[in-house]
Protein backbone atom coordinates (compact mmCIF):
# COMPACT_ATOMS: atom_id res chain seq x y z
CA MET A 1 -0.72 -5.66 -22.73
CA ASN A 2 -2.89 -7.99 -24.81
CA GLY A 3 -6.14 -9.61 -23.74
CA PRO A 4 -8.02 -9.32 -20.46
CA SER A 5 -6.32 -9.53 -17.09
CA ARG A 6 -7.36 -12.43 -14.88
CA VAL A 7 -8.10 -11.81 -11.20
CA ALA A 8 -8.98 -14.60 -8.80
CA VAL A 9 -11.12 -13.85 -5.75
CA VAL A 10 -11.29 -16.73 -3.26
CA ARG A 11 -12.96 -17.22 0.09
CA CYS A 12 -10.70 -17.27 3.14
CA PRO A 13 -12.86 -17.10 6.26
CA SER A 14 -10.00 -16.84 8.78
CA TYR A 15 -6.24 -16.70 9.24
CA ALA A 16 -6.16 -20.35 10.28
CA ARG A 17 -3.28 -22.03 8.50
CA GLU A 18 -5.47 -24.51 6.63
CA ASP A 19 -7.84 -21.77 5.42
CA VAL A 20 -5.07 -19.56 4.03
CA GLU A 21 -3.12 -22.37 2.38
CA ARG A 22 -6.28 -23.76 0.77
CA ALA A 23 -7.29 -20.31 -0.49
CA ILE A 24 -3.87 -19.57 -2.02
CA ASP A 25 -3.76 -22.99 -3.69
CA GLU A 26 -7.24 -22.40 -5.12
CA GLY A 27 -6.34 -18.94 -6.36
CA LEU A 28 -3.14 -20.17 -8.01
CA ARG A 29 -5.10 -22.87 -9.85
CA PHE A 30 -7.41 -20.17 -11.23
CA LEU A 31 -4.31 -18.35 -12.55
CA GLY A 32 -2.73 -21.41 -14.15
CA GLY A 33 -0.34 -22.33 -11.35
CA LEU A 34 2.74 -20.73 -9.84
CA PRO A 35 5.26 -22.35 -12.28
CA ALA A 36 3.44 -20.73 -15.20
CA LEU A 37 3.55 -17.33 -13.48
CA LEU A 38 7.24 -17.56 -12.58
CA GLY A 39 8.58 -19.19 -15.74
CA GLU A 40 12.26 -19.99 -15.26
CA ARG A 41 12.67 -17.57 -12.35
CA ARG A 42 13.42 -19.33 -9.08
CA ARG A 43 14.93 -16.66 -6.81
CA VAL A 44 11.75 -15.19 -5.32
CA LEU A 45 11.22 -12.24 -2.99
CA LEU A 46 8.03 -12.19 -0.92
CA LYS A 47 7.10 -8.53 -0.38
CA PRO A 48 4.51 -8.11 2.40
CA ASN A 49 3.05 -4.83 3.63
CA LEU A 50 5.10 -4.22 6.78
CA LEU A 51 4.07 -0.70 7.70
CA HIS A 52 5.29 -1.12 11.30
CA GLY A 53 6.27 -3.94 13.58
CA ASP A 54 2.63 -4.16 14.67
CA ASP A 55 0.67 -6.98 16.22
CA PRO A 56 -1.07 -8.70 13.27
CA ALA A 57 -4.39 -8.35 15.12
CA ARG A 58 -4.20 -4.60 14.47
CA GLY A 59 -4.78 -5.29 10.76
CA SER A 60 -2.14 -2.82 9.55
CA ILE A 61 0.21 -5.43 8.05
CA THR A 62 -0.03 -8.46 5.81
CA HIS A 63 -0.88 -11.25 8.21
CA PRO A 64 1.95 -13.73 8.94
CA ALA A 65 -0.38 -16.56 7.91
CA VAL A 66 -0.47 -15.15 4.36
CA LEU A 67 3.32 -14.81 4.30
CA ARG A 68 3.64 -18.42 5.51
CA ALA A 69 1.23 -19.82 2.91
CA ALA A 70 2.86 -17.86 0.08
CA ALA A 71 6.28 -19.11 1.22
CA ILE A 72 5.09 -22.71 1.28
CA ALA A 73 3.62 -22.39 -2.23
CA CYS A 74 6.91 -20.97 -3.56
CA LEU A 75 9.00 -23.62 -1.78
CA LYS A 76 6.81 -26.36 -3.24
CA ALA A 77 7.54 -24.89 -6.68
CA GLY A 78 11.26 -25.33 -6.06
CA CYS A 79 12.05 -21.67 -5.39
CA GLU A 80 14.72 -20.06 -3.23
CA VAL A 81 12.64 -17.71 -1.10
CA ASN A 82 13.54 -14.46 0.68
CA TYR A 83 11.18 -11.94 2.22
CA GLY A 84 11.33 -8.31 3.29
CA ASP A 85 10.00 -4.77 3.31
CA SER A 86 11.10 -1.30 4.37
CA PRO A 87 8.87 -0.23 7.30
CA ALA A 88 8.06 3.37 8.12
CA PHE A 89 9.46 2.89 11.64
CA HIS A 90 11.78 0.29 13.14
CA ASN A 91 14.56 -1.27 11.15
CA PRO A 92 13.44 -4.35 9.19
CA ARG A 93 15.00 -6.83 11.62
CA THR A 94 13.17 -5.36 14.58
CA ALA A 95 9.89 -5.08 12.67
CA VAL A 96 9.85 -8.70 11.48
CA ARG A 97 10.50 -9.91 15.01
CA LEU A 98 7.71 -7.80 16.52
CA CYS A 99 5.06 -8.69 13.94
CA GLY A 100 5.63 -12.44 13.77
CA TYR A 101 7.39 -12.73 10.41
CA GLU A 102 10.61 -13.92 12.04
CA ALA A 103 8.72 -16.90 13.50
CA VAL A 104 7.36 -17.73 10.03
CA ALA A 105 10.89 -17.56 8.62
CA GLY A 106 12.13 -19.93 11.31
CA GLU A 107 9.36 -22.39 10.51
CA THR A 108 9.68 -22.31 6.73
CA GLY A 109 13.40 -21.62 6.28
CA ILE A 110 12.94 -18.44 4.24
CA THR A 111 15.51 -15.69 4.85
CA LEU A 112 15.23 -11.95 5.46
CA ALA A 113 16.40 -9.96 2.45
CA ASP A 114 18.44 -6.76 2.73
CA PHE A 115 16.01 -3.85 2.91
CA GLU A 116 18.30 -1.55 4.87
CA ASN A 117 20.69 -0.81 2.00
CA GLY A 118 19.91 0.16 -1.56
CA GLU A 119 21.42 1.05 -4.89
CA GLU A 120 20.34 3.45 -7.61
CA ARG A 121 19.01 1.98 -10.82
CA THR A 122 18.03 3.79 -14.01
CA TYR A 123 14.71 3.08 -15.74
CA PRO A 124 14.87 4.78 -19.16
CA ASP A 125 11.20 3.98 -19.91
CA GLY A 126 9.92 5.89 -16.91
CA LYS A 127 7.25 8.44 -17.79
CA GLN A 128 8.04 10.67 -14.80
CA ASN A 129 10.70 8.93 -12.68
CA ARG A 130 13.71 7.37 -14.36
CA VAL A 131 15.99 6.82 -11.36
CA PHE A 132 15.08 4.81 -8.27
CA LYS A 133 16.99 3.73 -5.21
CA ILE A 134 15.99 0.10 -4.70
CA ALA A 135 16.63 -2.20 -1.74
CA ARG A 136 19.34 -4.76 -2.44
CA GLY A 137 16.97 -7.53 -1.43
CA ALA A 138 14.73 -6.64 -4.36
CA LEU A 139 17.66 -6.27 -6.76
CA ASP A 140 18.86 -9.77 -5.85
CA ALA A 141 15.50 -11.37 -6.71
CA GLU A 142 14.49 -12.79 -10.06
CA ALA A 143 10.78 -12.45 -9.30
CA ILE A 144 8.68 -10.61 -6.75
CA VAL A 145 5.55 -12.05 -5.19
CA ASN A 146 3.73 -9.02 -3.84
CA LEU A 147 1.64 -9.48 -0.66
CA PRO A 148 -0.38 -6.28 -0.14
CA LYS A 149 -3.10 -5.57 2.42
CA MET A 150 -6.54 -4.14 1.58
CA LYS A 151 -6.75 -0.80 3.41
CA THR A 152 -7.78 2.82 3.09
CA HIS A 153 -5.03 5.43 2.70
CA GLY A 154 -4.87 9.15 3.39
CA LEU A 155 -3.09 10.25 0.22
CA THR A 156 -4.24 7.70 -2.37
CA ARG A 157 -7.59 6.73 -0.71
CA MET A 158 -6.80 3.01 -1.00
CA THR A 159 -3.60 1.04 -0.74
CA GLY A 160 -3.09 -2.32 -2.35
CA ALA A 161 -0.80 -4.05 -4.81
CA VAL A 162 0.50 -0.97 -6.65
CA LYS A 163 1.14 1.09 -3.51
CA ASN A 164 2.77 -1.83 -1.69
CA MET A 165 5.67 -1.83 -4.15
CA PHE A 166 6.75 1.51 -2.68
CA GLY A 167 8.38 -0.59 0.04
CA LEU A 168 11.10 -1.57 -2.45
CA VAL A 169 12.52 1.90 -1.74
CA PRO A 170 14.61 1.65 1.43
CA GLY A 171 14.55 3.79 4.54
CA LEU A 172 14.64 7.56 4.39
CA THR A 173 14.55 7.60 0.58
CA LYS A 174 10.79 7.13 0.90
CA SER A 175 10.52 10.34 2.92
CA TRP A 176 12.64 12.16 0.33
CA LEU A 177 10.26 11.04 -2.43
CA HIS A 178 7.25 12.23 -0.42
CA ALA A 179 8.86 15.65 -0.06
CA ARG A 180 9.83 15.80 -3.73
CA LEU A 181 6.45 14.53 -4.94
CA PRO A 182 3.97 16.03 -2.47
CA GLU A 183 0.89 15.87 -4.68
CA GLU A 184 -1.21 12.76 -5.08
CA ARG A 185 -0.81 12.79 -8.86
CA SER A 186 2.97 13.14 -9.03
CA PHE A 187 3.35 10.58 -6.23
CA SER A 188 1.01 8.21 -8.06
CA ARG A 189 2.89 8.55 -11.33
CA MET A 190 6.05 7.60 -9.44
CA LEU A 191 4.29 4.50 -8.10
CA VAL A 192 3.29 3.46 -11.60
CA ASP A 193 6.82 3.95 -12.95
CA LEU A 194 8.15 1.87 -10.06
CA ASN A 195 5.66 -0.92 -10.80
CA ARG A 196 6.51 -0.85 -14.48
CA PHE A 197 10.21 -1.12 -13.58
CA PHE A 198 9.73 -3.91 -11.03
CA THR A 199 6.48 -5.59 -12.06
CA PRO A 200 5.58 -8.36 -9.62
CA ALA A 201 5.16 -11.83 -11.09
CA LEU A 202 2.16 -12.28 -8.82
CA SER A 203 0.24 -10.28 -6.23
CA ILE A 204 -1.74 -11.91 -3.42
CA MET A 205 -3.85 -9.42 -1.47
CA ASP A 206 -4.68 -10.10 2.17
CA ALA A 207 -8.33 -9.10 2.33
CA VAL A 208 -9.35 -11.51 5.07
CA ASP A 209 -9.51 -8.49 7.34
CA GLY A 210 -9.62 -5.23 5.41
CA MET A 211 -9.30 -1.79 6.98
CA GLU A 212 -11.63 1.17 6.56
CA GLY A 213 -11.73 4.66 8.04
CA ASN A 214 -8.48 6.00 9.49
CA GLY A 215 -6.16 3.67 7.53
CA PRO A 216 -3.58 2.52 6.76
CA ARG A 217 -2.72 1.89 10.42
CA ASN A 218 -5.51 3.06 12.72
CA GLY A 219 -8.74 2.24 10.93
CA ARG A 220 -11.51 -0.23 11.75
CA LEU A 221 -11.20 -3.84 10.66
CA VAL A 222 -13.72 -5.26 8.21
CA ARG A 223 -13.97 -9.04 7.97
CA THR A 224 -14.05 -9.27 4.18
CA GLY A 225 -12.97 -12.93 4.19
CA LEU A 226 -11.12 -12.94 0.87
CA LEU A 227 -7.77 -13.37 -0.81
CA ILE A 228 -7.34 -11.73 -4.21
CA LEU A 229 -4.67 -12.90 -6.66
CA SER A 230 -3.48 -11.63 -10.04
CA ALA A 231 -0.40 -11.17 -12.20
CA ASP A 232 -1.74 -7.67 -12.98
CA PRO A 233 -1.40 -5.45 -9.87
CA VAL A 234 -3.53 -2.72 -11.44
CA ALA A 235 -6.40 -5.08 -12.21
CA LEU A 236 -6.14 -6.57 -8.72
CA ASP A 237 -6.44 -3.12 -7.15
CA ALA A 238 -9.37 -2.28 -9.43
CA VAL A 239 -11.22 -5.39 -8.22
CA ALA A 240 -10.30 -4.56 -4.61
CA CYS A 241 -11.70 -1.05 -5.11
CA ARG A 242 -15.02 -2.43 -6.31
CA ILE A 243 -15.16 -4.76 -3.33
CA MET A 244 -14.53 -1.72 -1.09
CA GLY A 245 -17.26 0.26 -2.86
CA ILE A 246 -14.80 2.62 -4.60
CA ASP A 247 -14.89 3.47 -8.30
CA PRO A 248 -11.36 2.53 -9.46
CA GLY A 249 -11.53 5.31 -12.04
CA GLU A 250 -11.44 7.77 -9.12
CA ILE A 251 -8.11 6.39 -7.88
CA TYR A 252 -5.52 8.36 -9.81
CA PHE A 253 -2.71 5.79 -9.83
CA LEU A 254 -5.12 3.26 -11.36
CA SER A 255 -6.64 5.53 -14.01
CA TYR A 256 -3.19 6.84 -14.92
CA ALA A 257 -1.72 3.33 -15.15
CA GLU A 258 -4.46 2.23 -17.53
CA SER A 259 -4.08 5.40 -19.61
CA ILE A 260 -0.46 4.54 -20.41
CA GLY A 261 -1.20 0.87 -21.11
CA PHE A 262 -0.07 -0.62 -17.81
CA GLY A 263 -2.81 -2.83 -16.38
CA ARG A 264 -6.59 -2.98 -16.67
CA ILE A 265 -9.26 -1.35 -14.55
CA LYS A 266 -12.48 -1.62 -16.60
CA GLU A 267 -14.75 -4.55 -15.76
CA ARG A 268 -14.93 -5.61 -19.41
CA ASP A 269 -11.13 -5.93 -19.50
CA ILE A 270 -10.89 -8.08 -16.36
CA GLU A 271 -11.63 -11.78 -16.36
CA MET A 272 -12.89 -12.75 -12.91
CA ALA A 273 -12.43 -16.21 -11.40
CA GLY A 274 -13.80 -17.59 -8.15
CA VAL A 275 -16.16 -15.45 -6.08
CA PRO A 276 -18.13 -13.02 -8.28
CA LEU A 277 -18.06 -9.32 -7.47
CA SER A 278 -21.75 -9.35 -6.61
CA ALA A 279 -21.01 -11.76 -3.75
CA ALA A 280 -17.65 -10.25 -2.71
CA ALA A 281 -18.72 -6.60 -2.49
CA THR A 282 -20.95 -6.81 0.57
CA ARG A 283 -20.41 -3.32 2.02
CA LYS A 284 -19.01 0.10 1.17
CA TYR A 285 -15.79 0.92 3.02
CA GLU A 286 -15.54 4.30 4.73
CA THR A 287 -12.63 6.12 3.09
CA HIS A 288 -10.62 9.27 3.66
CA PRO A 289 -11.80 12.46 1.93
CA PRO A 290 -10.13 12.80 -1.47
CA SER A 291 -7.02 14.95 -1.78
CA ALA A 292 -7.24 18.12 -3.89
CA VAL A 293 -4.03 17.96 -5.84
CA VAL A 294 -4.96 20.76 -8.21
CA PHE A 295 -4.41 23.42 -5.55
CA SER A 296 -0.63 23.64 -5.60
CA LYS A 297 0.31 25.18 -8.93
CA SER A 298 0.68 28.83 -7.92
CA PRO A 299 0.87 30.95 -4.74
CA PHE A 300 -2.83 31.80 -5.01
CA LEU A 301 -3.82 28.17 -5.49
CA LYS A 302 -1.59 27.17 -2.60
CA TYR A 303 -3.63 29.57 -0.48
CA LEU A 304 -6.82 27.84 -1.64
CA LYS A 305 -5.23 24.51 -0.84
CA ARG A 306 -4.73 25.59 2.77
CA LEU A 307 -8.42 26.51 3.04
CA LEU A 308 -9.95 23.58 1.19
CA VAL A 309 -7.73 20.51 1.17
CA PRO A 310 -8.12 17.82 3.86
CA ARG A 311 -5.50 18.24 6.56
CA PRO A 312 -4.10 16.10 9.37
CA VAL A 313 -5.50 17.03 12.77
CA ILE A 314 -4.32 15.78 16.18
CA GLY A 315 -6.86 14.59 18.75
CA ALA A 316 -5.52 15.82 22.10
CA GLU A 317 -7.29 13.09 24.06
CA ARG A 318 -5.30 10.34 22.29
CA CYS A 319 -1.95 12.05 21.71
CA THR A 320 0.83 10.69 23.96
CA ARG A 321 3.45 13.20 22.72
CA CYS A 322 5.69 10.38 21.49
CA GLY A 323 7.08 12.57 18.69
CA GLN A 324 6.79 10.05 15.85
CA CYS A 325 4.77 12.51 13.76
CA VAL A 326 7.57 15.08 14.06
CA ARG A 327 10.26 12.58 13.14
CA ILE A 328 8.42 11.23 10.09
CA CYS A 329 7.54 14.65 8.59
CA PRO A 330 9.56 14.78 5.33
CA VAL A 331 9.69 18.55 4.82
CA GLU A 332 12.32 20.99 6.10
CA PRO A 333 11.60 23.06 8.12
CA LYS A 334 9.15 20.61 9.68
CA ALA A 335 5.45 21.17 9.17
CA ILE A 336 4.80 19.78 12.64
CA THR A 337 6.78 20.65 15.74
CA ALA A 338 6.69 19.94 19.47
CA VAL A 339 8.20 22.21 22.11
CA ASP A 340 8.96 21.31 25.73
CA GLY A 341 6.98 18.09 25.63
CA ARG A 342 3.77 19.78 24.61
CA GLN A 343 1.34 18.42 22.03
CA PRO A 344 2.74 18.81 18.50
CA ARG A 345 1.35 21.65 16.38
CA TYR A 346 1.04 22.02 12.62
CA ASP A 347 2.10 24.83 10.35
CA TYR A 348 -0.36 24.16 7.55
CA ASP A 349 1.44 26.54 5.21
CA ARG A 350 4.38 24.11 5.28
CA CYS A 351 2.30 20.93 5.35
CA ILE A 352 2.38 19.20 1.96
CA ARG A 353 -0.55 16.87 2.82
CA CYS A 354 1.48 13.67 2.41
CA TYR A 355 -0.23 12.35 5.58
CA CYS A 356 2.89 10.45 6.70
CA CYS A 357 2.18 11.64 10.25
CA GLN A 358 -1.35 10.23 10.16
CA GLU A 359 -0.11 7.00 8.61
CA THR A 360 2.46 6.32 11.33
CA CYS A 361 0.81 7.61 14.52
CA PRO A 362 0.89 4.65 16.94
CA GLU A 363 -2.16 5.83 18.89
CA GLY A 364 -4.45 6.78 16.03
CA ALA A 365 -4.48 10.33 17.38
CA ILE A 366 -4.17 11.92 13.92
CA ARG A 367 -7.09 11.94 11.52
CA ILE A 368 -7.64 13.64 8.18
CA ARG A 369 -10.24 16.38 8.32
CA VAL A 370 -11.71 18.73 5.74
CA PRO A 371 -11.38 22.44 6.75
CA ALA A 372 -14.62 24.32 7.41
CA LEU A 373 -14.72 26.01 4.00
CA GLY A 374 -13.68 22.78 2.33
CA VAL A 375 -16.72 20.94 3.70
CA LEU A 376 -18.96 23.02 1.47
CA PHE A 377 -16.67 22.55 -1.51
CA HIS A 378 -16.38 18.79 -1.03
CA GLY A 379 -20.09 18.52 -0.51
CA LEU A 380 -20.85 20.26 -3.78
CA LYS A 381 -18.12 18.71 -5.90
CA LYS A 382 -17.54 15.41 -4.08
CA ARG A 383 -14.28 15.07 -5.97
CA LEU A 384 -11.80 17.94 -6.38
């Protein structure tokens, strides 16, 4: 990658149609226009963050207004536009109906891509992962316009443009990858290989309402009032981190990506356009405690991991015993079980700390807590 990466940060005070369309048009002008970003590619996939079929007001998904404005921009550029994602729960057709995307599709004429079926593809240049199962909807596209959401995340601390591309992997294959790559670092290297294999032509981050605390589904909304655009998903996430009050060098998938020459994270290597960082970064987001990936290399270190590493914990007062946490757990035997309708219980010796249960809990009953001994360790080291 030669030269600095350009990232546009634009004001978007609300999800009103006129605000979002104006902001995306402004951001695209800062980046040289959509035709320049797409080149000759005209078959475009819009890839939102569709974690669940949630009400957009919850803030867990890319807002339908951002999907609509991105679709309109692509249609104006003469593109054939599909959209889709692989949600953690619900099949894609149910999820897009529940969250409002189906209504956007009916209004704009864009079509739902196939994210239920996938095919294996080989990526010989992968540093860690060289084979991926990819949704057919992504394989059919000539270019991907990535539409991430600014949120905190249990495993990777923040989720944005790079993490959002994980949705190209359909259905239960995502759970299989979590089980196979339980550590933050191995999982992050997979994310980078996936982004190198299917690099989006453009990423547009929905940061009108960001999410802090118990993200990526059950945190508190923060009215950040921004859209962030870039052709470099790594640089976009680095800027988003600084807006959230996070050092991007502490996010492993970003530091690793830069170390192998994929994307920029240093301020001197990023050319900002629009709102300056000093005006955009108005508060520090509350984030999850960092994962301690180093504690899983030997039986002794696995024992330390159980004592020190942040773990998912169920709040009995909010748990409805719906069983989603049990169903989503990717390990066998399950690290979380429920018997006779009672509250689910963890076996922390089996728990790989992927936090899928916390991510998908519909009631926000699961939070990530540092064990008693780990509090002292985190307090002294801050970063494990």
